[in-house]
C-alpha atoms as a PDB file:
ATOM      1  CA  MET A   1      69.194-172.699  30.425  1.00  0.00           C
ATOM      2  CA  LYS A   2      65.718-172.168  28.978  1.00  0.00           C
ATOM      3  CA  THR A   3      65.501-169.911  25.956  1.00  0.00           C
ATOM      4  CA  SER A   4      61.875-170.188  24.904  1.00  0.00           C
ATOM      5  CA  CYS A   5      61.507-166.462  24.317  1.00  0.00           C
ATOM      6  CA  HIS A   6      61.409-166.435  20.524  1.00  0.00           C
ATOM      7  CA  SER A   7      60.792-162.683  20.427  1.00  0.00           C
ATOM      8  CA  CYS A   8      63.792-161.942  22.679  1.00  0.00           C
ATOM      9  CA  LEU A   9      66.318-161.148  20.005  1.00  0.00           C
ATOM     10  CA  PRO A  10      69.512-159.649  21.400  1.00  0.00           C
ATOM     11  CA  ARG A  11      69.388-155.865  21.617  1.00  0.00           C
ATOM     12  CA  SER A  12      72.332-153.531  21.806  1.00  0.00           C
ATOM     13  CA  GLY A  13      73.166-151.121  24.600  1.00  0.00           C
ATOM     14  CA  VAL A  14      76.019-148.910  25.729  1.00  0.00           C
ATOM     15  CA  LEU A  15      77.689-147.888  28.951  1.00  0.00           C
ATOM     16  CA  ALA A  16      79.421-144.492  28.999  1.00  0.00           C
ATOM     17  CA  ILE A  17      82.555-144.576  31.143  1.00  0.00           C
ATOM     18  CA  VAL A  18      83.929-141.202  32.198  1.00  0.00           C
ATOM     19  CA  ARG A  19      86.940-140.776  34.457  1.00  0.00           C
ATOM     20  CA  ARG A  20      87.836-137.430  36.062  1.00  0.00           C
ATOM     21  CA  GLN A  21      91.270-137.724  37.653  1.00  0.00           C
ATOM     22  CA  ASN A  22      90.849-140.832  39.848  1.00  0.00           C
ATOM     23  CA  ASN A  23      87.041-140.778  39.946  1.00  0.00           C
ATOM     24  CA  PHE A  24      84.374-142.435  37.804  1.00  0.00           C
ATOM     25  CA  LEU A  25      80.953-140.997  37.030  1.00  0.00           C
ATOM     26  CA  LEU A  26      78.164-143.334  38.171  1.00  0.00           C
ATOM     27  CA  VAL A  27      74.383-143.232  38.295  1.00  0.00           C
ATOM     28  CA  ARG A  28      71.930-145.014  40.541  1.00  0.00           C
ATOM     29  CA  ARG A  29      69.346-146.619  38.277  1.00  0.00           C
ATOM     30  CA  ALA A  30      65.609-146.058  38.634  1.00  0.00           C
ATOM     31  CA  ASN A  31      64.456-148.903  36.360  1.00  0.00           C
ATOM     32  CA  ALA A  32      64.965-152.647  35.963  1.00  0.00           C
ATOM     33  CA  PRO A  33      67.033-154.623  35.558  1.00  0.00           C
ATOM     34  CA  ASP A  34      69.423-152.758  37.888  1.00  0.00           C
ATOM     35  CA  ALA A  35      66.907-150.554  39.742  1.00  0.00           C
ATOM     36  CA  GLY A  36      68.519-149.023  42.818  1.00  0.00           C
ATOM     37  CA  LEU A  37      72.035-150.122  41.857  1.00  0.00           C
ATOM     38  CA  TRP A  38      75.018-147.932  41.022  1.00  0.00           C
ATOM     39  CA  GLY A  39      76.570-148.320  37.577  1.00  0.00           C
ATOM     40  CA  PHE A  40      77.898-146.475  34.589  1.00  0.00           C
ATOM     41  CA  PRO A  41      75.367-144.340  32.690  1.00  0.00           C
ATOM     42  CA  GLY A  42      73.956-146.057  29.657  1.00  0.00           C
ATOM     43  CA  GLY A  43      71.059-147.541  27.799  1.00  0.00           C
ATOM     44  CA  ARG A  44      69.726-148.722  24.487  1.00  0.00           C
ATOM     45  CA  ILE A  45      71.241-147.925  21.109  1.00  0.00           C
ATOM     46  CA  GLU A  46      68.435-146.414  19.049  1.00  0.00           C
ATOM     47  CA  PRO A  47      67.849-147.435  15.392  1.00  0.00           C
ATOM     48  CA  GLY A  48      70.217-145.561  13.104  1.00  0.00           C
ATOM     49  CA  GLU A  49      72.381-144.379  15.996  1.00  0.00           C
ATOM     50  CA  THR A  50      76.109-145.093  16.144  1.00  0.00           C
ATOM     51  CA  ILE A  51      77.662-146.682  19.221  1.00  0.00           C
ATOM     52  CA  PHE A  52      79.537-143.481  20.057  1.00  0.00           C
ATOM     53  CA  HIS A  53      76.506-141.234  19.588  1.00  0.00           C
ATOM     54  CA  ALA A  54      74.419-143.518  21.814  1.00  0.00           C
ATOM     55  CA  ALA A  55      77.042-143.358  24.589  1.00  0.00           C
ATOM     56  CA  GLU A  56      77.255-139.551  24.364  1.00  0.00           C
ATOM     57  CA  ARG A  57      73.446-139.209  24.321  1.00  0.00           C
ATOM     58  CA  GLU A  58      72.841-141.573  27.250  1.00  0.00           C
ATOM     59  CA  LEU A  59      75.562-139.856  29.280  1.00  0.00           C
ATOM     60  CA  LEU A  60      74.049-136.427  28.643  1.00  0.00           C
ATOM     61  CA  GLU A  61      70.481-137.605  29.375  1.00  0.00           C
ATOM     62  CA  GLU A  62      71.391-139.327  32.639  1.00  0.00           C
ATOM     63  CA  THR A  63      74.032-136.939  34.027  1.00  0.00           C
ATOM     64  CA  SER A  64      73.862-133.626  32.067  1.00  0.00           C
ATOM     65  CA  LEU A  65      77.557-134.105  31.259  1.00  0.00           C
ATOM     66  CA  PRO A  66      78.614-133.466  27.648  1.00  0.00           C
ATOM     67  CA  ALA A  67      81.515-135.675  26.547  1.00  0.00           C
ATOM     68  CA  LYS A  68      83.070-137.250  23.465  1.00  0.00           C
ATOM     69  CA  ALA A  69      83.083-141.010  23.020  1.00  0.00           C
ATOM     70  CA  THR A  70      86.589-142.174  22.128  1.00  0.00           C
ATOM     71  CA  SER A  71      86.801-145.983  22.150  1.00  0.00           C
ATOM     72  CA  VAL A  72      85.010-149.234  22.865  1.00  0.00           C
ATOM     73  CA  ILE A  73      86.813-150.858  25.775  1.00  0.00           C
ATOM     74  CA  ASP A  74      84.728-154.002  26.266  1.00  0.00           C
ATOM     75  CA  ALA A  75      81.677-155.906  25.059  1.00  0.00           C
ATOM     76  CA  PHE A  76      79.619-158.435  27.000  1.00  0.00           C
ATOM     77  CA  ASP A  77      76.242-160.171  27.186  1.00  0.00           C
ATOM     78  CA  SER A  78      73.595-159.182  29.713  1.00  0.00           C
ATOM     79  CA  LEU A  79      71.117-162.052  30.019  1.00  0.00           C
ATOM     80  CA  HIS A  80      68.109-161.804  32.323  1.00  0.00           C
ATOM     81  CA  TYR A  81      65.666-164.598  33.135  1.00  0.00           C
ATOM     82  CA  ASP A  82      62.213-164.569  34.698  1.00  0.00           C
ATOM     83  CA  THR A  83      61.294-166.556  37.820  1.00  0.00           C
ATOM     84  CA  ASP A  84      60.531-169.637  35.683  1.00  0.00           C
ATOM     85  CA  GLY A  85      64.031-169.579  34.218  1.00  0.00           C
ATOM     86  CA  LYS A  86      62.890-168.352  30.814  1.00  0.00           C
ATOM     87  CA  LEU A  87      64.870-165.695  28.998  1.00  0.00           C
ATOM     88  CA  ALA A  88      63.276-162.312  29.687  1.00  0.00           C
ATOM     89  CA  PHE A  89      65.740-160.261  27.637  1.00  0.00           C
ATOM     90  CA  HIS A  90      69.225-160.292  26.185  1.00  0.00           C
ATOM     91  CA  TYR A  91      71.394-157.226  25.684  1.00  0.00           C
ATOM     92  CA  ILE A  92      74.811-157.009  24.096  1.00  0.00           C
ATOM     93  CA  ILE A  93      76.496-154.185  26.002  1.00  0.00           C
ATOM     94  CA  LEU A  94      79.343-152.106  24.623  1.00  0.00           C
ATOM     95  CA  ALA A  95      81.376-150.253  27.244  1.00  0.00           C
ATOM     96  CA  VAL A  96      82.503-146.955  25.701  1.00  0.00           C
ATOM     97  CA  ARG A  97      85.194-144.675  27.090  1.00  0.00           C
ATOM     98  CA  CYS A  98      84.087-141.024  27.010  1.00  0.00           C
ATOM     99  CA  GLU A  99      86.209-137.923  27.636  1.00  0.00           C
ATOM    100  CA  GLU A 100      84.927-134.685  29.104  1.00  0.00           C
ATOM    101  CA  HIS A 101      85.488-131.635  26.953  1.00  0.00           C
ATOM    102  CA  GLU A 102      88.762-130.036  28.011  1.00  0.00           C
ATOM    103  CA  HIS A 103      88.656-127.743  31.022  1.00  0.00           C
ATOM    104  CA  THR A 104      84.870-127.857  31.367  1.00  0.00           C
ATOM    105  CA  GLN A 105      84.543-129.860  34.590  1.00  0.00           C
ATOM    106  CA  ASN A 106      80.765-129.449  34.348  1.00  0.00           C
ATOM    107  CA  PRO A 107      78.668-130.385  37.388  1.00  0.00           C
ATOM    108  CA  VAL A 108      76.548-133.523  37.067  1.00  0.00           C
ATOM    109  CA  GLN A 109      72.838-133.823  37.677  1.00  0.00           C
ATOM    110  CA  ALA A 110      70.721-136.978  37.518  1.00  0.00           C
ATOM    111  CA  GLY A 111      68.128-137.099  34.771  1.00  0.00           C
ATOM    112  CA  ASP A 112      66.105-139.477  32.599  1.00  0.00           C
ATOM    113  CA  ASP A 113      66.102-142.866  34.361  1.00  0.00           C
ATOM    114  CA  ALA A 114      68.877-142.044  36.857  1.00  0.00           C
ATOM    115  CA  LEU A 115      67.933-141.391  40.498  1.00  0.00           C
ATOM    116  CA  GLU A 116      71.350-139.984  41.397  1.00  0.00           C
ATOM    117  CA  ALA A 117      74.587-139.131  39.597  1.00  0.00           C
ATOM    118  CA  ARG A 118      77.935-138.580  41.279  1.00  0.00           C
ATOM    119  CA  TRP A 119      81.652-139.254  41.176  1.00  0.00           C
ATOM    120  CA  PHE A 120      83.138-142.325  42.876  1.00  0.00           C
ATOM    121  CA  SER A 121      86.758-143.274  43.476  1.00  0.00           C
ATOM    122  CA  TYR A 122      87.812-146.829  42.698  1.00  0.00           C
ATOM    123  CA  GLN A 123      87.970-147.435  46.454  1.00  0.00           C
ATOM    124  CA  ASP A 124      84.356-146.208  46.795  1.00  0.00           C
ATOM    125  CA  ILE A 125      83.310-148.540  43.974  1.00  0.00           C
ATOM    126  CA  SER A 126      85.051-151.432  45.721  1.00  0.00           C
ATOM    127  CA  THR A 127      82.915-150.903  48.835  1.00  0.00           C
ATOM    128  CA  LEU A 128      79.527-150.814  47.044  1.00  0.00           C
ATOM    129  CA  GLY A 129      79.139-154.589  47.149  1.00  0.00           C
ATOM    130  CA  ALA A 130      75.523-155.619  46.393  1.00  0.00           C
ATOM    131  CA  ARG A 131      74.632-151.985  45.604  1.00  0.00           C
ATOM    132  CA  ALA A 132      76.739-152.140  42.396  1.00  0.00           C
ATOM    133  CA  SER A 133      75.795-153.333  38.916  1.00  0.00           C
ATOM    134  CA  ALA A 134      77.390-156.638  37.953  1.00  0.00           C
ATOM    135  CA  ARG A 135      80.277-155.365  35.792  1.00  0.00           C
ATOM    136  CA  LEU A 136      80.956-152.044  37.535  1.00  0.00           C
ATOM    137  CA  HIS A 137      83.995-153.073  39.578  1.00  0.00           C
ATOM    138  CA  SER A 138      85.701-155.049  36.796  1.00  0.00           C
ATOM    139  CA  LEU A 139      85.199-152.287  34.198  1.00  0.00           C
ATOM    140  CA  ALA A 140      86.579-149.599  36.525  1.00  0.00           C
ATOM    141  CA  ARG A 141      89.550-151.830  37.280  1.00  0.00           C
ATOM    142  CA  GLN A 142      90.091-152.467  33.557  1.00  0.00           C
ATOM    143  CA  ILE A 143      90.143-148.708  32.828  1.00  0.00           C
ATOM    144  CA  LEU A 144      92.624-148.031  35.627  1.00  0.00           C
ATOM    145  CA  LYS A 145      94.945-150.774  34.392  1.00  0.00           C
ATOM    146  CA  MET A 146      94.730-149.519  30.782  1.00  0.00           C
ATOM    147  CA  GLU A 147      95.158-145.818  31.522  1.00  0.00           C
ATOM    148  CA  ASP A 148      97.358-145.854  34.600  1.00  0.00           C
ATOM    149  CA  PRO A 149      99.312-149.119  34.880  1.00  0.00           C
ATOM    150  CA  THR A 150     101.217-147.779  37.911  1.00  0.00           C
ATOM    151  CA  HIS A 151      97.998-147.060  39.842  1.00  0.00           C
ATOM    152  CA  LEU A 152      97.761-149.268  42.885  1.00  0.00           C
ATOM    153  CA  ILE A 153      94.545-151.263  42.799  1.00  0.00           C
END
């Protein structure tokens, strides 16, 4: 592992995970590193912004869905290297569970750096294969196990 990128300090980012009944809200990304892939809405935590505010903001910008961040469910590293094997960037990602405001069931619309936004069942997520972001399947599975232990996965 080559880490010669002295200016590549780890940055922080969030994923906003929203579940409506048995479906998860996903976006198809327009920009690198996951351009063209489906994943949870998210992005950078801005200076002075809390984790929860960043998740709510990114969710609203990318899907037009207002929601309240409730808990951090996971944290992981996202390391990306250039073609020479040198570190291009390093993000520490916090996966944040967000809840829609009661009884709103607002429609979603892609915005900001999302090409598309729509609801996917866990079964739909399982069939995305190479069209899914790296942690999508495992995070959806983790949420289902936490929130509905009797759900058949």
